Amino acid sequence: MAARDQRRHRDASEARDRAPVEHFERLAREAADPWDYATSEYEQAKYRRTLSYLPAETGRTLELGCSVGVFTAMLAPRASHLTAVDFSPTALARARERLDEAGATNVELLERKLPEGTPGGPFDTIVCAEVLYYWSAELLADGIRRIEAALAPGGTLLAVHWRHPDPRRELTGNDVHRILDERTSLVLDASHTESDYLLDRWCRR
């Protein structure tokens, strides 16, 4: 197969497996907060709920899919060190501006393709908020293995996801949390269900 055809095949396969970075790049270029994370009453209430299920001190913390850094800035004061990952360089630049304004000096931003670029850890806390349903079921299974490998003994994994279908995605939040329940070796120790989202917390014993 010619190199150009191989690239096309690879790009088509990736488009089926995960959301394309170009979509998020365009949104981040068009607005500093494309989803109104900082001003939406729904998002802010969800963030407060998410924080209430996390330890007061989250230690070495990993946030997968940090986007423009609104929740990252809220999480940073609890972490001894926070590694925040996204695959959109423009979103990460937005996040850096926001974190600098907040005076958050303990945050490392990484541009990585996920799940294969998941940092190795160990992390005391891992947060996956509104990110895992952008992957295919196959990639999610791989991501669960990588997340578990990165979680320290006694560590916490917290996942929060919108429940409703989206024609651009293979999985809903319900699907993601069902697959997590089926595949993870971690122990589920807290759950919260809203009409629009699910929140689950697992621990490594």
C-alpha atoms as a PDB file:
ATOM      1  CA  MET A   1       0.000   0.000   0.000  1.00  0.00           C
ATOM      2  CA  ALA A   2       1.352   3.431  -0.929  1.00  0.00           C
ATOM      3  CA  ALA A   3       2.329   5.765   1.893  1.00  0.00           C
ATOM      4  CA  ARG A   4      -0.493   8.185   1.032  1.00  0.00           C
ATOM      5  CA  ASP A   5      -3.062   5.380   1.079  1.00  0.00           C
ATOM      6  CA  GLN A   6      -1.696   4.138   4.390  1.00  0.00           C
ATOM      7  CA  ARG A   7      -2.116   7.616   5.887  1.00  0.00           C
ATOM      8  CA  ARG A   8      -5.685   7.823   4.592  1.00  0.00           C
ATOM      9  CA  HIS A   9      -6.489   4.416   6.055  1.00  0.00           C
ATOM     10  CA  ARG A  10      -4.944   5.412   9.381  1.00  0.00           C
ATOM     11  CA  ASP A  11      -6.807   8.740   9.470  1.00  0.00           C
ATOM     12  CA  ALA A  12     -10.133   7.074   8.633  1.00  0.00           C
ATOM     13  CA  SER A  13      -9.601   4.470  11.358  1.00  0.00           C
ATOM     14  CA  GLU A  14      -8.734   7.160  13.893  1.00  0.00           C
ATOM     15  CA  ALA A  15     -11.821   9.161  12.983  1.00  0.00           C
ATOM     16  CA  ARG A  16     -13.920   6.146  13.904  1.00  0.00           C
ATOM     17  CA  ASP A  17     -12.018   5.605  17.170  1.00  0.00           C
ATOM     18  CA  ARG A  18     -12.018   9.096  18.645  1.00  0.00           C
ATOM     19  CA  ALA A  19     -13.179  12.647  18.052  1.00  0.00           C
ATOM     20  CA  PRO A  20     -10.929  14.538  15.618  1.00  0.00           C
ATOM     21  CA  VAL A  21      -8.601  17.135  17.083  1.00  0.00           C
ATOM     22  CA  GLU A  22      -9.479  19.540  14.256  1.00  0.00           C
ATOM     23  CA  HIS A  23     -13.009  19.949  15.661  1.00  0.00           C
ATOM     24  CA  PHE A  24     -11.719  21.012  19.080  1.00  0.00           C
ATOM     25  CA  GLU A  25      -8.988  23.167  17.577  1.00  0.00           C
ATOM     26  CA  ARG A  26     -11.572  25.122  15.608  1.00  0.00           C
ATOM     27  CA  LEU A  27     -13.792  25.639  18.660  1.00  0.00           C
ATOM     28  CA  ALA A  28     -10.870  26.750  20.834  1.00  0.00           C
ATOM     29  CA  ARG A  29      -9.670  29.183  18.187  1.00  0.00           C
ATOM     30  CA  GLU A  30     -13.143  30.720  17.882  1.00  0.00           C
ATOM     31  CA  ALA A  31     -13.730  31.322  21.610  1.00  0.00           C
ATOM     32  CA  ALA A  32     -11.816  31.333  24.883  1.00  0.00           C
ATOM     33  CA  ASP A  33     -14.543  29.182  26.490  1.00  0.00           C
ATOM     34  CA  PRO A  34     -16.441  27.438  23.659  1.00  0.00           C
ATOM     35  CA  TRP A  35     -18.768  25.476  25.965  1.00  0.00           C
ATOM     36  CA  ASP A  36     -19.340  28.307  28.493  1.00  0.00           C
ATOM     37  CA  TYR A  37     -17.770  26.216  31.244  1.00  0.00           C
ATOM     38  CA  ALA A  38     -16.997  29.292  33.345  1.00  0.00           C
ATOM     39  CA  THR A  39     -20.462  30.857  33.091  1.00  0.00           C
ATOM     40  CA  SER A  40     -22.915  27.950  32.695  1.00  0.00           C
ATOM     41  CA  GLU A  41     -24.916  27.314  35.874  1.00  0.00           C
ATOM     42  CA  TYR A  42     -25.165  23.635  34.904  1.00  0.00           C
ATOM     43  CA  GLU A  43     -21.402  23.246  34.402  1.00  0.00           C
ATOM     44  CA  GLN A  44     -20.532  25.114  37.588  1.00  0.00           C
ATOM     45  CA  ALA A  45     -22.958  23.001  39.643  1.00  0.00           C
ATOM     46  CA  LYS A  46     -21.482  19.848  38.113  1.00  0.00           C
ATOM     47  CA  TYR A  47     -17.961  21.038  38.939  1.00  0.00           C
ATOM     48  CA  ARG A  48     -18.947  21.705  42.553  1.00  0.00           C
ATOM     49  CA  ARG A  49     -20.475  18.239  42.771  1.00  0.00           C
ATOM     50  CA  THR A  50     -17.350  16.699  41.251  1.00  0.00           C
ATOM     51  CA  LEU A  51     -15.101  18.449  43.749  1.00  0.00           C
ATOM     52  CA  SER A  52     -17.304  17.267  46.625  1.00  0.00           C
ATOM     53  CA  TYR A  53     -16.507  13.652  45.668  1.00  0.00           C
ATOM     54  CA  LEU A  54     -12.755  14.249  45.610  1.00  0.00           C
ATOM     55  CA  PRO A  55     -10.396  14.305  48.595  1.00  0.00           C
ATOM     56  CA  ALA A  56      -9.683  17.685  50.151  1.00  0.00           C
ATOM     57  CA  GLU A  57      -6.066  17.034  49.160  1.00  0.00           C
ATOM     58  CA  THR A  58      -5.772  15.099  45.904  1.00  0.00           C
ATOM     59  CA  GLY A  59      -1.973  14.726  45.954  1.00  0.00           C
ATOM     60  CA  ARG A  60      -0.376  13.851  42.635  1.00  0.00           C
ATOM     61  CA  THR A  61      -3.304  14.416  40.313  1.00  0.00           C
ATOM     62  CA  LEU A  62      -4.033  13.667  36.649  1.00  0.00           C
ATOM     63  CA  GLU A  63      -6.822  15.298  34.673  1.00  0.00           C
ATOM     64  CA  LEU A  64      -7.529  13.713  31.291  1.00  0.00           C
ATOM     65  CA  GLY A  65      -9.147  16.002  28.738  1.00  0.00           C
ATOM     66  CA  CYS A  66      -8.610  19.356  30.459  1.00  0.00           C
ATOM     67  CA  SER A  67      -9.846  21.449  27.494  1.00  0.00           C
ATOM     68  CA  VAL A  68      -9.504  25.198  28.186  1.00  0.00           C
ATOM     69  CA  GLY A  69      -8.734  24.646  31.867  1.00  0.00           C
ATOM     70  CA  VAL A  70     -11.838  25.895  33.692  1.00  0.00           C
ATOM     71  CA  PHE A  71     -12.119  22.839  35.958  1.00  0.00           C
ATOM     72  CA  THR A  72      -8.324  22.547  36.013  1.00  0.00           C
ATOM     73  CA  ALA A  73      -8.108  25.903  37.790  1.00  0.00           C
ATOM     74  CA  MET A  74     -10.670  24.714  40.351  1.00  0.00           C
ATOM     75  CA  LEU A  75      -8.839  21.435  40.943  1.00  0.00           C
ATOM     76  CA  ALA A  76      -5.317  22.867  41.189  1.00  0.00           C
ATOM     77  CA  PRO A  77      -5.554  24.181  44.798  1.00  0.00           C
ATOM     78  CA  ARG A  78      -6.248  20.652  46.050  1.00  0.00           C
ATOM     79  CA  ALA A  79      -3.298  19.023  44.265  1.00  0.00           C
ATOM     80  CA  SER A  80       0.325  18.841  45.305  1.00  0.00           C
ATOM     81  CA  HIS A  81       1.018  18.592  41.573  1.00  0.00           C
ATOM     82  CA  LEU A  82      -1.541  18.493  38.759  1.00  0.00           C
ATOM     83  CA  THR A  83      -0.847  17.053  35.320  1.00  0.00           C
ATOM     84  CA  ALA A  84      -3.543  18.118  32.855  1.00  0.00           C
ATOM     85  CA  VAL A  85      -3.694  16.524  29.404  1.00  0.00           C
ATOM     86  CA  ASP A  86      -5.451  17.464  26.186  1.00  0.00           C
ATOM     87  CA  PHE A  87      -4.822  16.879  22.479  1.00  0.00           C
ATOM     88  CA  SER A  88      -5.725  20.394  21.297  1.00  0.00           C
ATOM     89  CA  PRO A  89      -2.765  22.800  21.402  1.00  0.00           C
ATOM     90  CA  THR A  90      -5.073  25.820  21.194  1.00  0.00           C
ATOM     91  CA  ALA A  91      -7.185  24.589  24.113  1.00  0.00           C
ATOM     92  CA  LEU A  92      -4.003  24.036  26.118  1.00  0.00           C
ATOM     93  CA  ALA A  93      -2.840  27.577  25.342  1.00  0.00           C
ATOM     94  CA  ARG A  94      -6.202  28.839  26.608  1.00  0.00           C
ATOM     95  CA  ALA A  95      -5.773  26.708  29.718  1.00  0.00           C
ATOM     96  CA  ARG A  96      -2.294  28.100  30.370  1.00  0.00           C
ATOM     97  CA  GLU A  97      -3.608  31.669  30.193  1.00  0.00           C
ATOM     98  CA  ARG A  98      -6.390  30.821  32.638  1.00  0.00           C
ATOM     99  CA  LEU A  99      -4.043  29.066  35.061  1.00  0.00           C
ATOM    100  CA  ASP A 100      -1.532  31.907  34.947  1.00  0.00           C
ATOM    101  CA  GLU A 101      -4.316  34.362  35.775  1.00  0.00           C
ATOM    102  CA  ALA A 102      -5.318  32.149  38.706  1.00  0.00           C
ATOM    103  CA  GLY A 103      -1.723  31.914  39.947  1.00  0.00           C
ATOM    104  CA  ALA A 104      -1.715  28.124  39.672  1.00  0.00           C
ATOM    105  CA  THR A 105       1.986  27.267  39.556  1.00  0.00           C
ATOM    106  CA  ASN A 106       1.628  23.559  40.311  1.00  0.00           C
ATOM    107  CA  VAL A 107       0.048  22.554  36.972  1.00  0.00           C
ATOM    108  CA  GLU A 108       1.857  20.836  34.111  1.00  0.00           C
ATOM    109  CA  LEU A 109       0.007  20.897  30.785  1.00  0.00           C
ATOM    110  CA  LEU A 110       0.736  18.114  28.305  1.00  0.00           C
ATOM    111  CA  GLU A 111      -0.333  17.804  24.679  1.00  0.00           C
ATOM    112  CA  ARG A 112      -1.022  14.105  24.235  1.00  0.00           C
ATOM    113  CA  LYS A 113      -3.195  11.834  22.132  1.00  0.00           C
ATOM    114  CA  LEU A 114      -5.299   9.707  24.457  1.00  0.00           C
ATOM    115  CA  PRO A 115      -5.464   7.032  25.657  1.00  0.00           C
ATOM    116  CA  GLU A 116      -2.058   5.955  24.355  1.00  0.00           C
ATOM    117  CA  GLY A 117      -0.473   9.150  25.672  1.00  0.00           C
ATOM    118  CA  THR A 118      -1.768   8.674  29.228  1.00  0.00           C
ATOM    119  CA  PRO A 119       1.068   9.640  31.603  1.00  0.00           C
ATOM    120  CA  GLY A 120       2.498   6.753  33.568  1.00  0.00           C
ATOM    121  CA  GLY A 121       2.104   8.123  37.067  1.00  0.00           C
ATOM    122  CA  PRO A 122       1.822   7.057  39.778  1.00  0.00           C
ATOM    123  CA  PHE A 123      -1.047   9.415  40.566  1.00  0.00           C
ATOM    124  CA  ASP A 124      -3.049   9.592  43.774  1.00  0.00           C
ATOM    125  CA  THR A 125      -6.092  10.969  41.952  1.00  0.00           C
ATOM    126  CA  ILE A 126      -7.225  10.673  38.320  1.00  0.00           C
ATOM    127  CA  VAL A 127     -10.172  12.679  36.988  1.00  0.00           C
ATOM    128  CA  CYS A 128     -11.916  11.803  33.702  1.00  0.00           C
ATOM    129  CA  ALA A 129     -14.652  14.375  33.124  1.00  0.00           C
ATOM    130  CA  GLU A 130     -16.555  14.460  29.821  1.00  0.00           C
ATOM    131  CA  VAL A 131     -13.752  12.765  27.905  1.00  0.00           C
ATOM    132  CA  LEU A 132     -14.085   8.993  27.771  1.00  0.00           C
ATOM    133  CA  TYR A 133     -17.135   8.938  25.490  1.00  0.00           C
ATOM    134  CA  TYR A 134     -15.055  10.532  22.760  1.00  0.00           C
ATOM    135  CA  TRP A 135     -13.300   7.167  22.347  1.00  0.00           C
ATOM    136  CA  SER A 136     -14.548   3.968  20.773  1.00  0.00           C
ATOM    137  CA  ALA A 137     -15.344   1.012  23.020  1.00  0.00           C
ATOM    138  CA  GLU A 138     -12.043  -0.575  21.977  1.00  0.00           C
ATOM    139  CA  LEU A 139     -10.048   2.523  22.869  1.00  0.00           C
ATOM    140  CA  LEU A 140     -11.928   2.836  26.157  1.00  0.00           C
ATOM    141  CA  ALA A 141     -10.920  -0.696  27.137  1.00  0.00           C
ATOM    142  CA  ASP A 142      -7.301   0.208  26.402  1.00  0.00           C
ATOM    143  CA  GLY A 143      -7.690   3.481  28.297  1.00  0.00           C
ATOM    144  CA  ILE A 144      -9.020   1.714  31.387  1.00  0.00           C
ATOM    145  CA  ARG A 145      -5.905  -0.473  31.482  1.00  0.00           C
ATOM    146  CA  ARG A 146      -3.654   2.569  31.169  1.00  0.00           C
ATOM    147  CA  ILE A 147      -5.546   4.546  33.799  1.00  0.00           C
ATOM    148  CA  GLU A 148      -5.404   1.657  36.254  1.00  0.00           C
ATOM    149  CA  ALA A 149      -1.679   1.253  35.646  1.00  0.00           C
ATOM    150  CA  ALA A 150      -1.148   4.954  36.407  1.00  0.00           C
ATOM    151  CA  LEU A 151      -3.150   4.940  39.662  1.00  0.00           C
ATOM    152  CA  ALA A 152      -1.175   4.629  42.895  1.00  0.00           C
ATOM    153  CA  PRO A 153      -2.172   2.161  45.654  1.00  0.00           C
ATOM    154  CA  GLY A 154      -4.999   3.719  47.629  1.00  0.00           C
ATOM    155  CA  GLY A 155      -5.663   6.118  44.746  1.00  0.00           C
ATOM    156  CA  THR A 156      -8.971   7.521  43.512  1.00  0.00           C
ATOM    157  CA  LEU A 157     -10.441   7.480  39.993  1.00  0.00           C
ATOM    158  CA  LEU A 158     -13.387   9.792  39.417  1.00  0.00           C
ATOM    159  CA  ALA A 159     -15.403   9.780  36.190  1.00  0.00           C
ATOM    160  CA  VAL A 160     -18.188  12.202  35.231  1.00  0.00           C
ATOM    161  CA  HIS A 161     -20.055  12.030  31.913  1.00  0.00           C
ATOM    162  CA  TRP A 162     -23.113  13.419  30.107  1.00  0.00           C
ATOM    163  CA  ARG A 163     -25.658  10.640  29.696  1.00  0.00           C
ATOM    164  CA  HIS A 164     -27.416  11.485  26.448  1.00  0.00           C
ATOM    165  CA  PRO A 165     -26.603  10.303  22.915  1.00  0.00           C
ATOM    166  CA  ASP A 166     -24.707  12.403  20.424  1.00  0.00           C
ATOM    167  CA  PRO A 167     -24.605  11.379  16.744  1.00  0.00           C
ATOM    168  CA  ARG A 168     -20.896  12.304  16.627  1.00  0.00           C
ATOM    169  CA  ARG A 169     -20.003   9.741  19.302  1.00  0.00           C
ATOM    170  CA  GLU A 170     -20.206   5.968  19.500  1.00  0.00           C
ATOM    171  CA  LEU A 171     -20.676   5.952  23.274  1.00  0.00           C
ATOM    172  CA  THR A 172     -22.893   7.787  25.758  1.00  0.00           C
ATOM    173  CA  GLY A 173     -21.981   8.465  29.362  1.00  0.00           C
ATOM    174  CA  ASN A 174     -24.180   5.519  30.350  1.00  0.00           C
ATOM    175  CA  ASP A 175     -22.135   3.281  28.037  1.00  0.00           C
ATOM    176  CA  VAL A 176     -18.850   4.582  29.437  1.00  0.00           C
ATOM    177  CA  HIS A 177     -19.786   3.926  33.047  1.00  0.00           C
ATOM    178  CA  ARG A 178     -21.205   0.497  32.234  1.00  0.00           C
ATOM    179  CA  ILE A 179     -17.946  -0.476  30.509  1.00  0.00           C
ATOM    180  CA  LEU A 180     -15.954   0.906  33.435  1.00  0.00           C
ATOM    181  CA  ASP A 181     -18.046  -1.194  35.824  1.00  0.00           C
ATOM    182  CA  GLU A 182     -17.499  -4.302  33.706  1.00  0.00           C
ATOM    183  CA  ARG A 183     -13.777  -3.915  33.070  1.00  0.00           C
ATOM    184  CA  THR A 184     -12.138  -2.105  35.937  1.00  0.00           C
ATOM    185  CA  SER A 185     -10.445  -3.954  38.769  1.00  0.00           C
ATOM    186  CA  LEU A 186     -10.967  -0.935  41.020  1.00  0.00           C
ATOM    187  CA  VAL A 187     -13.596  -0.829  43.762  1.00  0.00           C
ATOM    188  CA  LEU A 188     -16.627   1.403  43.269  1.00  0.00           C
ATOM    189  CA  ASP A 189     -17.163   3.338  46.488  1.00  0.00           C
ATOM    190  CA  ALA A 190     -19.478   6.244  45.550  1.00  0.00           C
ATOM    191  CA  SER A 191     -21.967   7.159  42.822  1.00  0.00           C
ATOM    192  CA  HIS A 192     -24.229  10.061  42.003  1.00  0.00           C
ATOM    193  CA  THR A 193     -26.860  10.100  39.258  1.00  0.00           C
ATOM    194  CA  GLU A 194     -28.469  13.160  37.707  1.00  0.00           C
ATOM    195  CA  SER A 195     -30.864  13.205  34.783  1.00  0.00           C
ATOM    196  CA  ASP A 196     -28.068  14.607  32.615  1.00  0.00           C
ATOM    197  CA  TYR A 197     -24.872  13.046  33.967  1.00  0.00           C
ATOM    198  CA  LEU A 198     -23.356  10.188  35.933  1.00  0.00           C
ATOM    199  CA  LEU A 199     -20.608  10.497  38.527  1.00  0.00           C
ATOM    200  CA  ASP A 200     -18.758   7.427  39.834  1.00  0.00           C
ATOM    201  CA  ARG A 201     -15.757   7.126  42.129  1.00  0.00           C
ATOM    202  CA  TRP A 202     -13.503   4.086  42.294  1.00  0.00           C
ATOM    203  CA  CYS A 203     -10.600   3.339  44.639  1.00  0.00           C
ATOM    204  CA  ARG A 204      -7.566   1.127  44.465  1.00  0.00           C
ATOM    205  CA  ARG A 205      -7.488  -0.856  47.711  1.00  0.00           C
END
